[in-house]
């Protein structure tokens, strides 16, 4: 997905476009399946080592609240 498309998702949901939100959203589109917050953090950490795991959790929760993402329970019982 292109950067402009990711920005459009945030803007259409009345969210401020921040580097952290862009990184998390981009990672969600890059990772196959249903990644855990830790997997998202690992993916982002390579290009943005300063992002904290707490930021990833908070951003994912915000995306769920806005309806951008859905929370799912995996076969291993992870959310």
C-alpha atoms as a PDB file:
ATOM      1  CA  UNK A   1       0.000   0.000   0.000  1.00  0.00           C
ATOM      2  CA  UNK A   2       1.276   3.456  -0.900  1.00  0.00           C
ATOM      3  CA  UNK A   3       2.084   6.117   1.683  1.00  0.00           C
ATOM      4  CA  UNK A   4      -0.669   8.371   0.323  1.00  0.00           C
ATOM      5  CA  UNK A   5      -3.214   5.600   0.792  1.00  0.00           C
ATOM      6  CA  UNK A   6      -2.128   5.111   4.408  1.00  0.00           C
ATOM      7  CA  UNK A   7      -2.431   8.847   5.055  1.00  0.00           C
ATOM      8  CA  UNK A   8      -5.908   8.809   3.516  1.00  0.00           C
ATOM      9  CA  UNK A   9      -6.969   6.062   5.952  1.00  0.00           C
ATOM     10  CA  UNK A  10      -5.885   8.168   8.919  1.00  0.00           C
ATOM     11  CA  UNK A  11      -7.352  11.424   7.612  1.00  0.00           C
ATOM     12  CA  UNK A  12     -10.682   9.818   6.693  1.00  0.00           C
ATOM     13  CA  UNK A  13     -10.899   8.576  10.301  1.00  0.00           C
ATOM     14  CA  UNK A  14     -10.202  12.085  11.640  1.00  0.00           C
ATOM     15  CA  UNK A  15      -6.785  11.132  12.951  1.00  0.00           C
ATOM     16  CA  UNK A  16      -3.608  13.169  12.948  1.00  0.00           C
ATOM     17  CA  UNK A  17      -0.969  11.719  10.629  1.00  0.00           C
ATOM     18  CA  UNK A  18       2.088  10.931  12.761  1.00  0.00           C
ATOM     19  CA  UNK A  19       5.224   8.938  11.929  1.00  0.00           C
ATOM     20  CA  UNK A  20       4.301   6.386  14.610  1.00  0.00           C
ATOM     21  CA  UNK A  21       0.788   5.832  13.252  1.00  0.00           C
ATOM     22  CA  UNK A  22       2.107   5.609   9.713  1.00  0.00           C
ATOM     23  CA  UNK A  23       4.718   3.030  10.771  1.00  0.00           C
ATOM     24  CA  UNK A  24       2.196   0.859  12.601  1.00  0.00           C
ATOM     25  CA  UNK A  25      -0.345   1.015   9.789  1.00  0.00           C
ATOM     26  CA  UNK A  26       2.303   0.224   7.174  1.00  0.00           C
ATOM     27  CA  UNK A  27       3.514  -2.759   9.215  1.00  0.00           C
ATOM     28  CA  UNK A  28      -0.035  -4.090   9.512  1.00  0.00           C
ATOM     29  CA  UNK A  29      -0.314  -4.133   5.722  1.00  0.00           C
ATOM     30  CA  UNK A  30       3.143  -5.710   5.295  1.00  0.00           C
ATOM     31  CA  UNK A  31       2.791  -8.537   7.804  1.00  0.00           C
ATOM     32  CA  UNK A  32       0.764 -11.530   6.664  1.00  0.00           C
ATOM     33  CA  UNK A  33      -1.922 -13.018   8.899  1.00  0.00           C
ATOM     34  CA  UNK A  34      -2.878 -11.649  12.299  1.00  0.00           C
ATOM     35  CA  UNK A  35       0.268 -10.198  13.881  1.00  0.00           C
ATOM     36  CA  UNK A  36       0.646  -9.607  17.583  1.00  0.00           C
ATOM     37  CA  UNK A  37       1.703  -6.167  18.843  1.00  0.00           C
ATOM     38  CA  UNK A  38       5.138  -7.653  19.495  1.00  0.00           C
ATOM     39  CA  UNK A  39       5.419  -8.782  15.854  1.00  0.00           C
ATOM     40  CA  UNK A  40       4.369  -5.328  14.680  1.00  0.00           C
ATOM     41  CA  UNK A  41       6.950  -3.747  16.986  1.00  0.00           C
ATOM     42  CA  UNK A  42       9.648  -6.099  15.691  1.00  0.00           C
ATOM     43  CA  UNK A  43       8.798  -5.172  12.091  1.00  0.00           C
ATOM     44  CA  UNK A  44       8.857  -1.430  12.816  1.00  0.00           C
ATOM     45  CA  UNK A  45      11.907  -1.556  15.077  1.00  0.00           C
ATOM     46  CA  UNK A  46      14.194  -2.385  12.152  1.00  0.00           C
ATOM     47  CA  UNK A  47      13.557   0.965  10.471  1.00  0.00           C
ATOM     48  CA  UNK A  48      12.533   2.970  13.554  1.00  0.00           C
ATOM     49  CA  UNK A  49      14.470   1.693  16.600  1.00  0.00           C
ATOM     50  CA  UNK A  50      13.190   4.488  18.834  1.00  0.00           C
ATOM     51  CA  UNK A  51       9.522   3.369  18.739  1.00  0.00           C
ATOM     52  CA  UNK A  52       8.400   1.881  22.048  1.00  0.00           C
ATOM     53  CA  UNK A  53       6.260  -1.234  22.404  1.00  0.00           C
ATOM     54  CA  UNK A  54       3.800   0.851  24.436  1.00  0.00           C
ATOM     55  CA  UNK A  55       3.347   3.162  21.480  1.00  0.00           C
ATOM     56  CA  UNK A  56       2.553   0.185  19.260  1.00  0.00           C
ATOM     57  CA  UNK A  57      -0.038  -1.130  21.744  1.00  0.00           C
ATOM     58  CA  UNK A  58      -1.663   2.299  22.132  1.00  0.00           C
ATOM     59  CA  UNK A  59      -1.715   2.913  18.375  1.00  0.00           C
ATOM     60  CA  UNK A  60      -3.236  -0.500  17.638  1.00  0.00           C
ATOM     61  CA  UNK A  61      -5.900   0.082  20.296  1.00  0.00           C
ATOM     62  CA  UNK A  62      -6.726   3.457  18.748  1.00  0.00           C
ATOM     63  CA  UNK A  63      -7.031   1.833  15.317  1.00  0.00           C
ATOM     64  CA  UNK A  64      -9.437  -0.746  16.758  1.00  0.00           C
ATOM     65  CA  UNK A  65     -11.532   1.984  18.417  1.00  0.00           C
ATOM     66  CA  UNK A  66     -11.700   3.894  15.108  1.00  0.00           C
ATOM     67  CA  UNK A  67     -12.675   0.764  13.168  1.00  0.00           C
ATOM     68  CA  UNK A  68      -9.507   0.724  11.063  1.00  0.00           C
ATOM     69  CA  UNK A  69      -8.489  -2.683  12.447  1.00  0.00           C
ATOM     70  CA  UNK A  70     -10.298  -5.545  14.157  1.00  0.00           C
ATOM     71  CA  UNK A  71      -9.039  -7.426  17.173  1.00  0.00           C
ATOM     72  CA  UNK A  72      -8.965 -11.174  16.583  1.00  0.00           C
ATOM     73  CA  UNK A  73      -8.085 -14.108  18.764  1.00  0.00           C
ATOM     74  CA  UNK A  74      -5.579 -16.482  17.183  1.00  0.00           C
ATOM     75  CA  UNK A  75      -5.440 -20.265  17.502  1.00  0.00           C
ATOM     76  CA  UNK A  76      -2.869 -19.805  20.253  1.00  0.00           C
ATOM     77  CA  UNK A  77      -5.239 -17.584  22.202  1.00  0.00           C
ATOM     78  CA  UNK A  78      -3.314 -14.385  21.455  1.00  0.00           C
ATOM     79  CA  UNK A  79      -5.123 -11.131  20.692  1.00  0.00           C
END
